[in-house]
Amino acid sequence: MIKTLTSFRFIIIATSCIILLNCTSINKPIPSTFTNIKEISPSIVIEMRYYGSDNFIGKRIDGYHNPKSFHTKEAAYALNKVQLELNKKGLSLKIFDSYRPQRAVNHFIRWAKVLEDTIMKRQYYPNVKKKDLFDLGYIAERSGHSRGSTVDLTIIELINGAELDMGSPFDFFGRKSHHSYKDITDKQKENRVLLKSIMEKYGFKPYSEEWWHYTLANEPFPDTYFDFPVK
């Protein structure tokens, strides 16, 4: 009986420790060097894909507890400059992802190893074998997003919220998403050039394989990967 009670007490203590660790993880504070983009540029449209199920995994990603868009303050103020110029043209930025906790990246890694889970393959990676996602660079153990100055975004029309046609959807794994891809229409090329030129004008550098992906050239935390949750 004593051994049974002792074991039961151990289980309670261990369970309590797990709960405490989880609570600490969820309540990890947002650094003062970061800000919600809506506090800097309230007119930017937010559609945080990893908060919902419309993404390449098909479910909410770990660490996204609210559909909010956080950035280092330097990146947020630079994005506001982009937004102000686009507004003059009747356009707006639309953000799909920004700061990404390391725990979300870890979720991607776990998913990539479960080869039979391909429910979103037709939409997001129809021509890529899931087993090749690591080798091709679509999934990695670290992401610039976790440093807080990388953003995934597009341009929309202010009058109706319609996205400009960029020739491929956000997060499409394939050559069609590369900046150098030629087999798209002239209008789609023009839209990509518009996004690229205005982002570069205000200090962001593009990623050659994803038309939507930009990083602040002078990012304040080039070697730090954060893991506070989006809340």
Protein backbone atom coordinates (compact mmCIF):
# COMPACT_ATOMS: atom_id res chain seq x y z
CA MET A 1 0.00 0.00 0.00
CA ILE A 2 2.84 2.40 0.84
CA LYS A 3 4.53 1.67 -2.51
CA THR A 4 1.23 2.32 -4.32
CA LEU A 5 0.69 5.65 -2.59
CA THR A 6 4.27 6.68 -3.25
CA SER A 7 3.90 5.85 -6.93
CA PHE A 8 0.61 7.77 -7.08
CA ARG A 9 2.22 10.84 -5.45
CA PHE A 10 5.08 10.64 -7.98
CA ILE A 11 2.62 10.59 -10.88
CA ILE A 12 0.81 13.66 -9.51
CA ILE A 13 4.08 15.55 -9.02
CA ALA A 14 5.36 14.60 -12.48
CA THR A 15 2.06 15.58 -14.10
CA SER A 16 2.06 18.90 -12.26
CA CYS A 17 5.59 19.58 -13.49
CA ILE A 18 4.55 18.92 -17.07
CA ILE A 19 1.56 21.24 -16.74
CA LEU A 20 3.74 23.92 -15.17
CA LEU A 21 6.30 23.65 -17.98
CA ASN A 22 3.56 23.93 -20.61
CA CYS A 23 2.06 26.98 -18.90
CA THR A 24 5.47 28.62 -18.67
CA SER A 25 6.04 27.93 -22.35
CA ILE A 26 2.67 29.37 -23.41
CA ASN A 27 3.05 32.44 -21.18
CA LYS A 28 6.57 33.24 -22.30
CA PRO A 29 6.62 37.05 -22.67
CA ILE A 30 6.91 38.89 -25.97
CA PRO A 31 10.24 40.77 -26.04
CA SER A 32 10.04 44.56 -25.87
CA THR A 33 12.02 44.66 -29.13
CA PHE A 34 9.02 43.15 -30.96
CA THR A 35 5.66 44.69 -31.82
CA ASN A 36 2.28 43.75 -33.28
CA ILE A 37 2.24 45.22 -36.80
CA LYS A 38 -1.27 46.56 -36.21
CA GLU A 39 0.14 48.95 -33.59
CA ILE A 40 2.49 50.44 -36.19
CA SER A 41 0.51 50.08 -39.40
CA PRO A 42 -3.16 49.32 -38.64
CA SER A 43 -4.29 49.25 -42.28
CA ILE A 44 -2.13 46.24 -43.22
CA VAL A 45 -4.32 43.18 -43.76
CA ILE A 46 -3.46 40.06 -41.76
CA GLU A 47 -4.23 36.46 -42.78
CA MET A 48 -2.02 34.31 -40.59
CA ARG A 49 -2.13 30.99 -42.42
CA TYR A 50 -0.45 28.97 -39.70
CA TYR A 51 -3.11 29.97 -37.18
CA GLY A 52 -5.72 28.14 -39.26
CA SER A 53 -5.82 25.03 -41.46
CA ASP A 54 -5.24 26.59 -44.89
CA ASN A 55 -1.55 25.73 -45.03
CA PHE A 56 0.66 22.91 -46.32
CA ILE A 57 0.14 20.83 -43.17
CA GLY A 58 -3.62 21.34 -42.99
CA LYS A 59 -3.95 22.26 -39.31
CA ARG A 60 -2.99 25.00 -36.85
CA ILE A 61 0.73 25.09 -36.20
CA ASP A 62 2.28 24.94 -32.73
CA GLY A 63 2.91 28.34 -31.17
CA TYR A 64 0.17 30.23 -33.00
CA HIS A 65 -2.37 31.01 -30.26
CA ASN A 66 -3.74 34.15 -31.96
CA PRO A 67 -3.84 35.36 -35.59
CA LYS A 68 -1.49 38.25 -34.84
CA SER A 69 1.55 39.40 -36.79
CA PHE A 70 4.65 40.20 -34.74
CA HIS A 71 7.89 41.70 -36.03
CA THR A 72 10.99 43.34 -34.70
CA LYS A 73 10.25 47.03 -34.42
CA GLU A 74 12.75 47.79 -37.18
CA ALA A 75 10.93 45.48 -39.59
CA ALA A 76 7.51 46.82 -38.57
CA TYR A 77 8.45 50.45 -39.23
CA ALA A 78 9.93 49.49 -42.60
CA LEU A 79 6.73 47.65 -43.53
CA ASN A 80 4.72 50.72 -42.60
CA LYS A 81 6.69 52.72 -45.16
CA VAL A 82 5.85 50.13 -47.80
CA GLN A 83 2.19 50.26 -46.80
CA LEU A 84 1.98 54.05 -46.98
CA GLU A 85 3.35 54.06 -50.52
CA LEU A 86 1.06 51.25 -51.64
CA ASN A 87 -1.97 53.02 -50.15
CA LYS A 88 -1.32 55.96 -52.49
CA LYS A 89 -1.75 53.51 -55.39
CA GLY A 90 -4.99 52.06 -54.00
CA LEU A 91 -3.16 48.96 -52.78
CA SER A 92 -2.25 47.32 -49.46
CA LEU A 93 0.03 44.69 -48.03
CA LYS A 94 -1.45 41.40 -46.88
CA ILE A 95 0.67 39.35 -44.45
CA PHE A 96 0.53 35.54 -44.40
CA ASP A 97 3.27 34.94 -41.83
CA SER A 98 5.85 36.97 -39.95
CA TYR A 99 7.56 36.06 -36.68
CA ARG A 100 7.45 32.27 -36.35
CA PRO A 101 8.28 30.55 -33.03
CA GLN A 102 10.94 27.85 -33.13
CA ARG A 103 8.31 25.42 -31.84
CA ALA A 104 6.39 25.99 -35.10
CA VAL A 105 9.50 25.11 -37.09
CA ASN A 106 9.81 21.98 -34.95
CA HIS A 107 6.19 21.14 -35.87
CA PHE A 108 7.13 21.39 -39.57
CA ILE A 109 10.07 19.04 -39.00
CA ARG A 110 7.93 16.42 -37.23
CA TRP A 111 5.31 16.61 -39.97
CA ALA A 112 7.87 16.23 -42.76
CA LYS A 113 9.04 12.93 -41.24
CA VAL A 114 5.52 11.41 -41.36
CA LEU A 115 5.58 10.54 -45.05
CA GLU A 116 2.04 9.18 -45.20
CA ASP A 117 0.52 12.53 -44.10
CA THR A 118 -0.05 14.19 -47.48
CA ILE A 119 -3.58 15.61 -47.17
CA MET A 120 -2.48 19.01 -48.57
CA LYS A 121 -0.14 17.69 -51.27
CA ARG A 122 -2.40 18.47 -54.23
CA GLN A 123 -2.70 22.12 -53.24
CA TYR A 124 0.78 22.94 -51.94
CA TYR A 125 3.34 20.47 -53.30
CA PRO A 126 1.78 18.48 -56.17
CA ASN A 127 5.06 17.93 -58.03
CA VAL A 128 7.36 17.39 -55.05
CA LYS A 129 7.76 14.14 -53.12
CA LYS A 130 7.35 14.70 -49.41
CA LYS A 131 10.51 12.72 -48.66
CA ASP A 132 12.47 15.33 -50.65
CA LEU A 133 11.22 18.41 -48.78
CA PHE A 134 14.36 18.59 -46.60
CA ASP A 135 16.83 18.01 -49.44
CA LEU A 136 15.13 20.64 -51.61
CA GLY A 137 15.15 23.22 -48.82
CA TYR A 138 11.41 23.59 -48.31
CA ILE A 139 11.70 22.40 -44.69
CA ALA A 140 14.69 23.29 -42.49
CA GLU A 141 15.65 23.05 -38.83
CA ARG A 142 15.94 26.86 -38.57
CA SER A 143 13.91 29.64 -40.17
CA GLY A 144 14.69 33.31 -40.65
CA HIS A 145 11.12 33.93 -39.52
CA SER A 146 12.15 33.02 -35.97
CA ARG A 147 14.55 35.97 -35.93
CA GLY A 148 11.59 38.34 -36.22
CA SER A 149 12.48 40.36 -39.33
CA THR A 150 11.26 38.03 -42.08
CA VAL A 151 7.78 38.27 -43.54
CA ASP A 152 5.62 36.39 -46.06
CA LEU A 153 3.24 38.71 -47.86
CA THR A 154 1.50 39.84 -51.01
CA ILE A 155 -0.32 42.89 -52.37
CA ILE A 156 -4.09 43.36 -52.51
CA GLU A 157 -6.42 45.95 -53.98
CA LEU A 158 -7.87 48.29 -51.36
CA ILE A 159 -11.24 48.57 -53.08
CA ASN A 160 -12.14 44.88 -52.86
CA GLY A 161 -9.34 43.06 -51.04
CA ALA A 162 -8.46 40.96 -54.09
CA GLU A 163 -4.91 39.63 -54.17
CA LEU A 164 -2.78 40.59 -57.14
CA ASP A 165 -2.09 37.53 -59.30
CA MET A 166 1.48 36.43 -58.61
CA GLY A 167 1.41 33.29 -60.75
CA SER A 168 1.40 30.83 -57.84
CA PRO A 169 -0.24 30.71 -54.42
CA PHE A 170 1.53 31.49 -51.16
CA ASP A 171 3.60 28.56 -49.84
CA PHE A 172 3.48 26.66 -53.13
CA PHE A 173 6.46 24.29 -53.16
CA GLY A 174 7.81 24.34 -56.71
CA ARG A 175 9.74 26.21 -59.40
CA LYS A 176 6.64 28.26 -60.23
CA SER A 177 7.22 30.24 -57.02
CA HIS A 178 10.80 31.21 -57.89
CA HIS A 179 11.51 34.83 -58.81
CA SER A 180 13.32 33.62 -61.92
CA TYR A 181 10.42 31.50 -63.20
CA LYS A 182 9.52 32.62 -66.73
CA ASP A 183 6.42 30.61 -67.63
CA ILE A 184 3.89 33.05 -66.16
CA THR A 185 1.96 35.89 -67.77
CA ASP A 186 3.34 39.39 -68.26
CA LYS A 187 0.84 40.70 -65.71
CA GLN A 188 1.94 38.14 -63.11
CA LYS A 189 5.57 39.12 -63.73
CA GLU A 190 4.61 42.79 -63.37
CA ASN A 191 2.92 42.10 -60.04
CA ARG A 192 5.95 40.26 -58.71
CA VAL A 193 8.22 43.09 -59.81
CA LEU A 194 5.97 45.61 -58.06
CA LEU A 195 6.20 43.70 -54.76
CA LYS A 196 9.93 43.08 -55.08
CA SER A 197 10.82 46.65 -56.02
CA ILE A 198 8.86 48.31 -53.24
CA MET A 199 10.11 45.86 -50.61
CA GLU A 200 13.70 46.42 -51.70
CA LYS A 201 13.16 50.18 -51.71
CA TYR A 202 12.49 50.06 -47.97
CA GLY A 203 15.29 47.75 -46.96
CA PHE A 204 14.04 44.20 -47.50
CA LYS A 205 15.85 41.54 -49.49
CA PRO A 206 13.99 38.82 -51.41
CA TYR A 207 14.42 35.06 -51.22
CA SER A 208 15.01 33.76 -54.74
CA GLU A 209 12.77 30.68 -54.44
CA GLU A 210 9.68 32.31 -52.89
CA TRP A 211 8.14 35.45 -54.39
CA TRP A 212 6.34 36.20 -51.07
CA HIS A 213 9.36 35.92 -48.71
CA TYR A 214 11.38 38.99 -47.61
CA THR A 215 13.89 39.69 -44.83
CA LEU A 216 14.99 43.06 -43.52
CA ALA A 217 18.57 43.47 -44.77
CA ASN A 218 19.75 45.07 -41.53
CA GLU A 219 17.84 42.75 -39.22
CA PRO A 220 18.61 43.39 -35.54
CA PHE A 221 18.86 39.72 -34.50
CA PRO A 222 20.69 37.90 -37.31
CA ASP A 223 21.81 35.04 -35.05
CA THR A 224 18.93 34.74 -32.56
CA TYR A 225 16.03 32.32 -33.00
CA PHE A 226 13.14 33.17 -30.68
CA ASP A 227 10.50 30.81 -29.34
CA PHE A 228 7.88 32.95 -27.59
CA PRO A 229 4.34 32.03 -28.76
CA VAL A 230 2.16 34.26 -30.93
CA LYS A 231 -0.57 35.27 -28.51
